[in-house]
C-alpha atoms as a PDB file:
ATOM      1  CA  UNK A   1       0.000   0.000   0.000  1.00  0.00           C
ATOM      2  CA  UNK A   2       1.215   3.478  -0.858  1.00  0.00           C
ATOM      3  CA  UNK A   3       0.252   6.886   0.529  1.00  0.00           C
ATOM      4  CA  UNK A   4      -1.667   7.757  -2.620  1.00  0.00           C
ATOM      5  CA  UNK A   5      -3.774   4.605  -2.202  1.00  0.00           C
ATOM      6  CA  UNK A   6      -5.115   5.601   1.255  1.00  0.00           C
ATOM      7  CA  UNK A   7      -8.902   6.019   1.258  1.00  0.00           C
ATOM      8  CA  UNK A   8     -11.664   6.242   3.852  1.00  0.00           C
ATOM      9  CA  UNK A   9     -13.874   3.185   4.267  1.00  0.00           C
ATOM     10  CA  UNK A  10     -16.863   3.292   1.931  1.00  0.00           C
ATOM     11  CA  UNK A  11     -19.707   5.165   3.661  1.00  0.00           C
ATOM     12  CA  UNK A  12     -17.443   6.642   6.352  1.00  0.00           C
ATOM     13  CA  UNK A  13     -17.797  10.187   5.027  1.00  0.00           C
ATOM     14  CA  UNK A  14     -20.872  11.909   3.698  1.00  0.00           C
ATOM     15  CA  UNK A  15     -20.960  15.125   1.688  1.00  0.00           C
ATOM     16  CA  UNK A  16     -22.577  18.138   3.321  1.00  0.00           C
ATOM     17  CA  UNK A  17     -26.019  19.150   2.042  1.00  0.00           C
ATOM     18  CA  UNK A  18     -25.700  22.579   0.392  1.00  0.00           C
ATOM     19  CA  UNK A  19     -29.090  24.189   1.006  1.00  0.00           C
ATOM     20  CA  UNK A  20     -30.670  26.926  -1.166  1.00  0.00           C
ATOM     21  CA  UNK A  21     -28.448  26.324  -4.195  1.00  0.00           C
ATOM     22  CA  UNK A  22     -31.047  25.946  -6.924  1.00  0.00           C
ATOM     23  CA  UNK A  23     -33.843  23.515  -7.785  1.00  0.00           C
ATOM     24  CA  UNK A  24     -31.484  20.700  -8.778  1.00  0.00           C
ATOM     25  CA  UNK A  25     -29.882  20.495  -5.345  1.00  0.00           C
ATOM     26  CA  UNK A  26     -32.908  18.887  -3.667  1.00  0.00           C
ATOM     27  CA  UNK A  27     -33.042  21.687  -1.064  1.00  0.00           C
ATOM     28  CA  UNK A  28     -33.476  24.649  -3.406  1.00  0.00           C
ATOM     29  CA  UNK A  29     -35.531  27.846  -3.364  1.00  0.00           C
ATOM     30  CA  UNK A  30     -36.419  28.157   0.353  1.00  0.00           C
ATOM     31  CA  UNK A  31     -33.764  25.774   1.669  1.00  0.00           C
ATOM     32  CA  UNK A  32     -36.127  23.473   3.600  1.00  0.00           C
ATOM     33  CA  UNK A  33     -37.487  26.296   5.775  1.00  0.00           C
ATOM     34  CA  UNK A  34     -41.016  26.360   4.371  1.00  0.00           C
ATOM     35  CA  UNK A  35     -42.964  29.510   3.478  1.00  0.00           C
ATOM     36  CA  UNK A  36     -42.808  32.784   5.455  1.00  0.00           C
ATOM     37  CA  UNK A  37     -43.114  33.089   9.209  1.00  0.00           C
ATOM     38  CA  UNK A  38     -40.660  33.712  12.013  1.00  0.00           C
ATOM     39  CA  UNK A  39     -38.838  30.384  11.631  1.00  0.00           C
ATOM     40  CA  UNK A  40     -38.168  30.957   7.938  1.00  0.00           C
ATOM     41  CA  UNK A  41     -36.241  34.175   8.633  1.00  0.00           C
ATOM     42  CA  UNK A  42     -32.601  34.167   9.583  1.00  0.00           C
ATOM     43  CA  UNK A  43     -31.482  34.808  13.151  1.00  0.00           C
ATOM     44  CA  UNK A  44     -34.927  34.639  14.806  1.00  0.00           C
ATOM     45  CA  UNK A  45     -36.853  31.594  16.187  1.00  0.00           C
ATOM     46  CA  UNK A  46     -36.867  32.950  19.743  1.00  0.00           C
ATOM     47  CA  UNK A  47     -36.791  30.474  22.604  1.00  0.00           C
ATOM     48  CA  UNK A  48     -39.676  30.968  25.050  1.00  0.00           C
ATOM     49  CA  UNK A  49     -41.573  33.266  22.663  1.00  0.00           C
ATOM     50  CA  UNK A  50     -45.333  33.050  23.121  1.00  0.00           C
ATOM     51  CA  UNK A  51     -46.652  35.216  20.280  1.00  0.00           C
ATOM     52  CA  UNK A  52     -46.851  38.600  21.968  1.00  0.00           C
ATOM     53  CA  UNK A  53     -48.286  37.249  25.201  1.00  0.00           C
ATOM     54  CA  UNK A  54     -46.179  37.642  28.358  1.00  0.00           C
ATOM     55  CA  UNK A  55     -43.965  34.495  28.544  1.00  0.00           C
ATOM     56  CA  UNK A  56     -44.631  31.982  31.310  1.00  0.00           C
ATOM     57  CA  UNK A  57     -41.235  32.468  32.948  1.00  0.00           C
ATOM     58  CA  UNK A  58     -42.014  36.200  33.315  1.00  0.00           C
ATOM     59  CA  UNK A  59     -45.584  35.668  34.588  1.00  0.00           C
ATOM     60  CA  UNK A  60     -44.494  33.480  37.497  1.00  0.00           C
ATOM     61  CA  UNK A  61     -43.302  35.211  40.693  1.00  0.00           C
ATOM     62  CA  UNK A  62     -39.635  35.170  41.642  1.00  0.00           C
ATOM     63  CA  UNK A  63     -38.794  33.199  44.770  1.00  0.00           C
ATOM     64  CA  UNK A  64     -35.776  32.578  46.908  1.00  0.00           C
ATOM     65  CA  UNK A  65     -32.387  34.139  47.382  1.00  0.00           C
ATOM     66  CA  UNK A  66     -28.832  32.892  46.940  1.00  0.00           C
ATOM     67  CA  UNK A  67     -26.483  34.281  49.543  1.00  0.00           C
ATOM     68  CA  UNK A  68     -23.391  35.531  47.675  1.00  0.00           C
ATOM     69  CA  UNK A  69     -20.926  34.999  50.547  1.00  0.00           C
ATOM     70  CA  UNK A  70     -22.270  31.676  51.803  1.00  0.00           C
ATOM     71  CA  UNK A  71     -19.707  29.380  53.418  1.00  0.00           C
ATOM     72  CA  UNK A  72     -19.250  25.948  51.887  1.00  0.00           C
ATOM     73  CA  UNK A  73     -17.926  23.265  54.223  1.00  0.00           C
ATOM     74  CA  UNK A  74     -16.381  19.919  53.361  1.00  0.00           C
ATOM     75  CA  UNK A  75     -18.621  17.439  55.194  1.00  0.00           C
ATOM     76  CA  UNK A  76     -17.263  14.290  56.839  1.00  0.00           C
ATOM     77  CA  UNK A  77     -19.152  11.718  58.925  1.00  0.00           C
ATOM     78  CA  UNK A  78     -17.845  10.159  62.117  1.00  0.00           C
ATOM     79  CA  UNK A  79     -18.374   6.683  60.666  1.00  0.00           C
ATOM     80  CA  UNK A  80     -15.905   7.465  57.859  1.00  0.00           C
ATOM     81  CA  UNK A  81     -13.293   8.772  60.306  1.00  0.00           C
ATOM     82  CA  UNK A  82     -13.716   5.563  62.359  1.00  0.00           C
ATOM     83  CA  UNK A  83     -13.301   3.456  59.201  1.00  0.00           C
ATOM     84  CA  UNK A  84     -10.002   5.228  58.371  1.00  0.00           C
ATOM     85  CA  UNK A  85      -8.772   4.772  61.975  1.00  0.00           C
ATOM     86  CA  UNK A  86      -9.598   1.038  61.829  1.00  0.00           C
ATOM     87  CA  UNK A  87      -7.777   0.722  58.485  1.00  0.00           C
ATOM     88  CA  UNK A  88      -4.692   2.403  59.978  1.00  0.00           C
ATOM     89  CA  UNK A  89      -4.796   5.343  57.556  1.00  0.00           C
ATOM     90  CA  UNK A  90      -5.490   7.808  60.370  1.00  0.00           C
ATOM     91  CA  UNK A  91      -4.014   7.986  63.898  1.00  0.00           C
ATOM     92  CA  UNK A  92      -6.630   8.122  66.644  1.00  0.00           C
ATOM     93  CA  UNK A  93      -4.583  10.454  68.874  1.00  0.00           C
ATOM     94  CA  UNK A  94      -5.130  13.977  67.615  1.00  0.00           C
ATOM     95  CA  UNK A  95      -7.017  14.594  64.392  1.00  0.00           C
ATOM     96  CA  UNK A  96      -7.159  18.006  62.734  1.00  0.00           C
ATOM     97  CA  UNK A  97      -8.148  19.316  59.290  1.00  0.00           C
ATOM     98  CA  UNK A  98      -4.654  18.801  57.814  1.00  0.00           C
ATOM     99  CA  UNK A  99      -4.481  15.142  58.908  1.00  0.00           C
ATOM    100  CA  UNK A 100      -7.963  14.514  57.471  1.00  0.00           C
ATOM    101  CA  UNK A 101      -6.843  15.882  54.078  1.00  0.00           C
ATOM    102  CA  UNK A 102      -3.463  14.084  54.030  1.00  0.00           C
ATOM    103  CA  UNK A 103      -5.074  10.712  54.921  1.00  0.00           C
ATOM    104  CA  UNK A 104      -7.662  11.126  52.149  1.00  0.00           C
ATOM    105  CA  UNK A 105     -10.817  11.310  54.282  1.00  0.00           C
ATOM    106  CA  UNK A 106     -11.574  14.717  52.761  1.00  0.00           C
ATOM    107  CA  UNK A 107     -10.401  15.867  49.338  1.00  0.00           C
ATOM    108  CA  UNK A 108     -10.211  19.613  49.978  1.00  0.00           C
ATOM    109  CA  UNK A 109     -10.821  21.987  52.860  1.00  0.00           C
ATOM    110  CA  UNK A 110     -13.137  24.567  51.144  1.00  0.00           C
ATOM    111  CA  UNK A 111     -14.204  27.025  53.918  1.00  0.00           C
ATOM    112  CA  UNK A 112     -13.447  24.435  56.584  1.00  0.00           C
ATOM    113  CA  UNK A 113     -14.390  20.883  57.533  1.00  0.00           C
ATOM    114  CA  UNK A 114     -17.663  20.088  59.320  1.00  0.00           C
ATOM    115  CA  UNK A 115     -18.136  16.799  61.176  1.00  0.00           C
ATOM    116  CA  UNK A 116     -21.545  15.103  61.278  1.00  0.00           C
ATOM    117  CA  UNK A 117     -22.665  12.235  63.521  1.00  0.00           C
ATOM    118  CA  UNK A 118     -23.609   9.592  60.921  1.00  0.00           C
ATOM    119  CA  UNK A 119     -22.147   6.161  61.689  1.00  0.00           C
ATOM    120  CA  UNK A 120     -20.574   4.491  64.733  1.00  0.00           C
ATOM    121  CA  UNK A 121     -17.603   6.108  66.485  1.00  0.00           C
ATOM    122  CA  UNK A 122     -15.656   4.197  69.134  1.00  0.00           C
ATOM    123  CA  UNK A 123     -12.097   5.594  68.952  1.00  0.00           C
ATOM    124  CA  UNK A 124     -10.764   7.776  71.766  1.00  0.00           C
ATOM    125  CA  UNK A 125      -9.651  10.757  69.692  1.00  0.00           C
ATOM    126  CA  UNK A 126      -9.337  14.505  69.969  1.00  0.00           C
ATOM    127  CA  UNK A 127     -10.685  16.135  66.820  1.00  0.00           C
ATOM    128  CA  UNK A 128     -10.204  19.823  65.945  1.00  0.00           C
ATOM    129  CA  UNK A 129     -12.292  21.093  63.020  1.00  0.00           C
ATOM    130  CA  UNK A 130     -14.086  24.238  61.819  1.00  0.00           C
ATOM    131  CA  UNK A 131     -17.617  22.972  62.504  1.00  0.00           C
ATOM    132  CA  UNK A 132     -19.515  20.052  63.999  1.00  0.00           C
ATOM    133  CA  UNK A 133     -23.079  19.076  64.780  1.00  0.00           C
ATOM    134  CA  UNK A 134     -24.140  18.735  68.440  1.00  0.00           C
ATOM    135  CA  UNK A 135     -24.794  15.022  67.896  1.00  0.00           C
ATOM    136  CA  UNK A 136     -21.214  14.582  66.610  1.00  0.00           C
ATOM    137  CA  UNK A 137     -19.745  16.386  69.644  1.00  0.00           C
ATOM    138  CA  UNK A 138     -21.826  14.148  71.949  1.00  0.00           C
ATOM    139  CA  UNK A 139     -20.829  10.961  70.074  1.00  0.00           C
ATOM    140  CA  UNK A 140     -17.090  11.742  70.348  1.00  0.00           C
ATOM    141  CA  UNK A 141     -17.448  12.624  74.041  1.00  0.00           C
ATOM    142  CA  UNK A 142     -19.342   9.378  74.630  1.00  0.00           C
ATOM    143  CA  UNK A 143     -16.460   7.439  73.021  1.00  0.00           C
ATOM    144  CA  UNK A 144     -14.041   9.097  75.467  1.00  0.00           C
ATOM    145  CA  UNK A 145     -12.587  11.726  73.159  1.00  0.00           C
ATOM    146  CA  UNK A 146     -13.076  15.425  72.539  1.00  0.00           C
ATOM    147  CA  UNK A 147     -14.304  17.364  69.527  1.00  0.00           C
ATOM    148  CA  UNK A 148     -13.284  21.017  69.477  1.00  0.00           C
ATOM    149  CA  UNK A 149     -14.772  23.529  67.053  1.00  0.00           C
ATOM    150  CA  UNK A 150     -12.645  26.462  65.844  1.00  0.00           C
ATOM    151  CA  UNK A 151     -15.469  29.014  65.633  1.00  0.00           C
ATOM    152  CA  UNK A 152     -18.635  28.650  67.687  1.00  0.00           C
ATOM    153  CA  UNK A 153     -20.857  30.116  64.932  1.00  0.00           C
ATOM    154  CA  UNK A 154     -20.451  26.931  62.868  1.00  0.00           C
ATOM    155  CA  UNK A 155     -21.582  24.637  65.699  1.00  0.00           C
ATOM    156  CA  UNK A 156     -25.357  24.309  65.404  1.00  0.00           C
END
């Protein structure tokens, strides 16, 4: 085989339909757009247009609000921390946000790490994080450890 003998497989490529190029082209005169109307014109066909009537999305009332400076916490459950301690990937002594990231429990810190009480927790550990639920604080205390929260506003 030579370079000049290279060809695409039969049927692999298809020629582009050239619209509005005369009656012999198969898509001549109006180029498959039909007769008159908004959709036959170029650059129109408006999305959500309801023929002069007020569109539905404008008739419905606006609701809700998105806080622009909302804090986003990386969430971790106590059960997951316990699983990592049992696997030997995390030391039960003192756990902080940096050790949680380096062990792979949490991927990234975001605005801080918040601990929730889902799952069983039996390790005697001192955990220092940005936020925690009351149930999580109680669960760690019950296991014989301590969970300290950096700022009290995050503990709800």
